[in-house]
Amino acid sequence: MIGQDEAYPDDLADDLRPNWTLVVLGTLALAAVSVGALAWPLAVISIALGALMIAGADVDARTCILPDTTPSRRWLAACWRRWSWSR
């Protein structure tokens, strides 16, 4: 049986914090598009929801998506090398 300390390491809290540089720059880009294309009440709502989505996507990519794709990248690279050698 796995103990509580083993299942949830202390460094997990650091992984759940978004990269603030990415969130701010992404939100600024989103704000530029939203202000130019929407009326101001909708633009404010769009910017707020977009900032939350960017922060969530950043955390999700680092904790769930990217670690899972590393073996498949190696597999694709091996297939590419084999294909290129056979030509």
N, C-alpha and C. Protein backbone atom coordinates (compact mmCIF):
# COMPACT_ATOMS: atom_id res chain seq x y z
N MET A 1 0.85 -1.18 0.00
CA MET A 1 0.00 0.00 0.00
C MET A 1 0.89 1.24 0.00
N ILE A 2 0.53 2.23 -0.78
CA ILE A 2 1.31 3.46 -0.87
C ILE A 2 0.84 4.43 0.20
N GLY A 3 1.81 4.96 0.93
CA GLY A 3 1.48 5.94 1.96
C GLY A 3 1.14 7.29 1.36
N GLN A 4 0.55 8.15 2.15
CA GLN A 4 0.14 9.48 1.69
C GLN A 4 1.34 10.29 1.21
N ASP A 5 2.47 10.21 1.90
CA ASP A 5 3.64 10.99 1.52
C ASP A 5 4.24 10.51 0.21
N GLU A 6 4.15 9.22 -0.07
CA GLU A 6 4.70 8.68 -1.32
C GLU A 6 3.80 9.02 -2.51
N ALA A 7 2.49 9.05 -2.29
CA ALA A 7 1.56 9.30 -3.39
C ALA A 7 1.58 10.75 -3.83
N TYR A 8 1.79 11.66 -2.90
CA TYR A 8 1.77 13.09 -3.22
C TYR A 8 3.06 13.73 -2.72
N PRO A 9 4.09 13.75 -3.55
CA PRO A 9 5.34 14.35 -3.11
C PRO A 9 5.21 15.85 -2.92
N ASP A 10 6.14 16.42 -2.14
CA ASP A 10 6.08 17.84 -1.83
C ASP A 10 6.34 18.72 -3.05
N ASP A 11 7.10 18.24 -4.02
CA ASP A 11 7.41 19.07 -5.18
C ASP A 11 6.25 19.13 -6.18
N LEU A 12 5.15 18.43 -5.91
CA LEU A 12 4.00 18.49 -6.80
C LEU A 12 3.37 19.88 -6.80
N ALA A 13 3.43 20.57 -5.67
CA ALA A 13 2.85 21.91 -5.58
C ALA A 13 3.55 22.87 -6.54
N ASP A 14 4.84 22.70 -6.75
CA ASP A 14 5.55 23.55 -7.69
C ASP A 14 5.10 23.29 -9.12
N ASP A 15 4.74 22.06 -9.44
CA ASP A 15 4.31 21.72 -10.79
C ASP A 15 2.92 22.28 -11.11
N LEU A 16 2.14 22.59 -10.10
CA LEU A 16 0.78 23.06 -10.31
C LEU A 16 0.68 24.57 -10.39
N ARG A 17 1.81 25.25 -10.39
CA ARG A 17 1.80 26.70 -10.55
C ARG A 17 2.09 27.03 -12.01
N PRO A 18 1.28 27.92 -12.60
CA PRO A 18 1.51 28.24 -14.02
C PRO A 18 2.75 29.09 -14.21
N ASN A 19 3.27 29.05 -15.41
CA ASN A 19 4.38 29.91 -15.81
C ASN A 19 3.80 31.29 -16.06
N TRP A 20 4.06 32.22 -15.17
CA TRP A 20 3.40 33.53 -15.23
C TRP A 20 3.81 34.34 -16.45
N THR A 21 5.01 34.16 -16.93
CA THR A 21 5.42 34.86 -18.15
C THR A 21 4.55 34.42 -19.32
N LEU A 22 4.34 33.13 -19.43
CA LEU A 22 3.50 32.59 -20.49
C LEU A 22 2.06 33.07 -20.36
N VAL A 23 1.54 33.08 -19.15
CA VAL A 23 0.16 33.50 -18.93
C VAL A 23 -0.01 34.98 -19.28
N VAL A 24 0.92 35.82 -18.85
CA VAL A 24 0.79 37.26 -19.12
C VAL A 24 0.92 37.56 -20.61
N LEU A 25 1.92 36.97 -21.27
CA LEU A 25 2.10 37.23 -22.70
C LEU A 25 0.93 36.67 -23.52
N GLY A 26 0.46 35.50 -23.15
CA GLY A 26 -0.70 34.93 -23.83
C GLY A 26 -1.95 35.75 -23.63
N THR A 27 -2.13 36.26 -22.42
CA THR A 27 -3.30 37.09 -22.13
C THR A 27 -3.22 38.42 -22.87
N LEU A 28 -2.03 38.99 -22.99
CA LEU A 28 -1.89 40.23 -23.76
C LEU A 28 -2.22 40.02 -25.23
N ALA A 29 -1.77 38.91 -25.79
CA ALA A 29 -2.10 38.60 -27.18
C ALA A 29 -3.61 38.39 -27.34
N LEU A 30 -4.20 37.68 -26.40
CA LEU A 30 -5.64 37.46 -26.42
C LEU A 30 -6.39 38.77 -26.27
N ALA A 31 -5.91 39.66 -25.42
CA ALA A 31 -6.55 40.94 -25.21
C ALA A 31 -6.51 41.79 -26.47
N ALA A 32 -5.41 41.76 -27.19
CA ALA A 32 -5.31 42.53 -28.43
C ALA A 32 -6.34 42.08 -29.44
N VAL A 33 -6.52 40.78 -29.57
CA VAL A 33 -7.51 40.25 -30.52
C VAL A 33 -8.93 40.53 -30.02
N SER A 34 -9.17 40.32 -28.73
CA SER A 34 -10.52 40.49 -28.18
C SER A 34 -10.98 41.94 -28.24
N VAL A 35 -10.11 42.86 -27.90
CA VAL A 35 -10.48 44.28 -27.91
C VAL A 35 -10.74 44.74 -29.35
N GLY A 36 -9.99 44.21 -30.28
CA GLY A 36 -10.18 44.60 -31.67
C GLY A 36 -11.40 43.98 -32.32
N ALA A 37 -11.88 42.85 -31.82
CA ALA A 37 -12.96 42.15 -32.49
C ALA A 37 -14.29 42.16 -31.75
N LEU A 38 -14.28 42.45 -30.45
CA LEU A 38 -15.51 42.35 -29.66
C LEU A 38 -15.86 43.68 -29.00
N ALA A 39 -17.11 43.81 -28.62
CA ALA A 39 -17.54 44.96 -27.81
C ALA A 39 -16.88 44.84 -26.43
N TRP A 40 -16.71 45.95 -25.73
CA TRP A 40 -15.90 45.93 -24.51
C TRP A 40 -16.42 44.99 -23.43
N PRO A 41 -17.74 44.83 -23.20
CA PRO A 41 -18.14 43.87 -22.15
C PRO A 41 -17.75 42.43 -22.51
N LEU A 42 -17.94 42.08 -23.77
CA LEU A 42 -17.57 40.73 -24.19
C LEU A 42 -16.05 40.56 -24.21
N ALA A 43 -15.33 41.62 -24.54
CA ALA A 43 -13.86 41.54 -24.56
C ALA A 43 -13.32 41.29 -23.16
N VAL A 44 -13.89 41.95 -22.16
CA VAL A 44 -13.43 41.75 -20.77
C VAL A 44 -13.68 40.31 -20.33
N ILE A 45 -14.85 39.80 -20.64
CA ILE A 45 -15.16 38.41 -20.28
C ILE A 45 -14.25 37.44 -21.03
N SER A 46 -14.02 37.72 -22.30
CA SER A 46 -13.16 36.86 -23.12
C SER A 46 -11.73 36.85 -22.58
N ILE A 47 -11.24 38.00 -22.16
CA ILE A 47 -9.87 38.09 -21.64
C ILE A 47 -9.77 37.31 -20.31
N ALA A 48 -10.76 37.47 -19.45
CA ALA A 48 -10.72 36.77 -18.15
C ALA A 48 -10.77 35.26 -18.34
N LEU A 49 -11.68 34.80 -19.17
CA LEU A 49 -11.78 33.35 -19.40
C LEU A 49 -10.56 32.82 -20.14
N GLY A 50 -10.05 33.60 -21.07
CA GLY A 50 -8.86 33.19 -21.81
C GLY A 50 -7.65 33.06 -20.92
N ALA A 51 -7.48 33.99 -19.97
CA ALA A 51 -6.35 33.90 -19.04
C ALA A 51 -6.43 32.63 -18.20
N LEU A 52 -7.63 32.29 -17.75
CA LEU A 52 -7.80 31.05 -16.98
C LEU A 52 -7.50 29.83 -17.84
N MET A 53 -7.93 29.86 -19.09
CA MET A 53 -7.68 28.73 -19.99
C MET A 53 -6.20 28.58 -20.30
N ILE A 54 -5.50 29.69 -20.48
CA ILE A 54 -4.06 29.63 -20.75
C ILE A 54 -3.31 29.06 -19.55
N ALA A 55 -3.66 29.53 -18.35
CA ALA A 55 -3.00 29.02 -17.14
C ALA A 55 -3.28 27.53 -16.97
N GLY A 56 -4.52 27.12 -17.18
CA GLY A 56 -4.86 25.70 -17.05
C GLY A 56 -4.18 24.84 -18.09
N ALA A 57 -4.10 25.34 -19.31
CA ALA A 57 -3.45 24.57 -20.37
C ALA A 57 -1.95 24.43 -20.11
N ASP A 58 -1.33 25.45 -19.55
CA ASP A 58 0.10 25.38 -19.23
C ASP A 58 0.36 24.31 -18.18
N VAL A 59 -0.42 24.33 -17.12
CA VAL A 59 -0.23 23.34 -16.05
C VAL A 59 -0.53 21.94 -16.58
N ASP A 60 -1.59 21.80 -17.36
CA ASP A 60 -1.95 20.50 -17.90
C ASP A 60 -0.87 19.96 -18.84
N ALA A 61 -0.31 20.84 -19.64
CA ALA A 61 0.72 20.40 -20.58
C ALA A 61 1.96 19.91 -19.85
N ARG A 62 2.32 20.58 -18.77
CA ARG A 62 3.54 20.17 -18.06
C ARG A 62 3.32 18.94 -17.19
N THR A 63 2.12 18.74 -16.66
CA THR A 63 1.92 17.63 -15.74
C THR A 63 1.34 16.39 -16.40
N CYS A 64 0.55 16.55 -17.46
CA CYS A 64 -0.13 15.39 -18.06
C CYS A 64 0.32 15.09 -19.47
N ILE A 65 0.30 16.07 -20.34
CA ILE A 65 0.49 15.81 -21.76
C ILE A 65 1.95 15.56 -22.11
N LEU A 66 2.85 16.45 -21.74
CA LEU A 66 4.24 16.33 -22.15
C LEU A 66 4.94 15.08 -21.61
N PRO A 67 4.75 14.71 -20.34
CA PRO A 67 5.41 13.47 -19.90
C PRO A 67 4.91 12.22 -20.64
N ASP A 68 3.65 12.22 -21.07
CA ASP A 68 3.12 11.06 -21.78
C ASP A 68 3.61 10.96 -23.21
N THR A 69 3.97 12.08 -23.82
CA THR A 69 4.37 12.05 -25.23
C THR A 69 5.84 11.75 -25.43
N THR A 70 6.64 11.74 -24.39
CA THR A 70 8.07 11.50 -24.55
C THR A 70 8.37 10.13 -25.16
N PRO A 71 7.78 9.03 -24.69
CA PRO A 71 8.05 7.74 -25.34
C PRO A 71 7.58 7.70 -26.79
N SER A 72 6.44 8.34 -27.09
CA SER A 72 5.96 8.31 -28.47
C SER A 72 6.86 9.13 -29.38
N ARG A 73 7.50 10.17 -28.86
CA ARG A 73 8.46 10.93 -29.66
C ARG A 73 9.66 10.06 -30.01
N ARG A 74 10.11 9.27 -29.06
CA ARG A 74 11.23 8.38 -29.34
C ARG A 74 10.84 7.34 -30.39
N TRP A 75 9.62 6.82 -30.29
CA TRP A 75 9.15 5.85 -31.25
C TRP A 75 9.05 6.46 -32.64
N LEU A 76 8.50 7.68 -32.73
CA LEU A 76 8.40 8.34 -34.03
C LEU A 76 9.78 8.64 -34.61
N ALA A 77 10.71 9.05 -33.75
CA ALA A 77 12.07 9.32 -34.23
C ALA A 77 12.71 8.04 -34.77
N ALA A 78 12.50 6.92 -34.08
CA ALA A 78 13.06 5.65 -34.55
C ALA A 78 12.43 5.24 -35.88
N CYS A 79 11.14 5.42 -36.01
CA CYS A 79 10.48 5.10 -37.28
C CYS A 79 10.99 5.99 -38.39
N TRP A 80 11.19 7.26 -38.11
CA TRP A 80 11.69 8.19 -39.12
C TRP A 80 13.10 7.79 -39.57
N ARG A 81 13.95 7.45 -38.61
CA ARG A 81 15.31 7.04 -38.97
C ARG A 81 15.28 5.77 -39.83
N ARG A 82 14.44 4.83 -39.46
CA ARG A 82 14.36 3.59 -40.23
C ARG A 82 13.83 3.85 -41.63
N TRP A 83 12.83 4.71 -41.74
CA TRP A 83 12.26 5.04 -43.04
C TRP A 83 13.29 5.76 -43.91
N SER A 84 14.02 6.70 -43.33
CA SER A 84 14.99 7.47 -44.12
C SER A 84 16.16 6.61 -44.55
N TRP A 85 16.53 5.57 -43.78
CA TRP A 85 17.63 4.69 -44.17
C TRP A 85 17.22 3.74 -45.29
N SER A 86 15.93 3.44 -45.34
CA SER A 86 15.49 2.48 -46.35
C SER A 86 15.36 3.10 -47.74
N ARG A 87 15.46 4.39 -47.84
CA ARG A 87 15.32 5.05 -49.15
C ARG A 87 16.55 4.96 -49.95
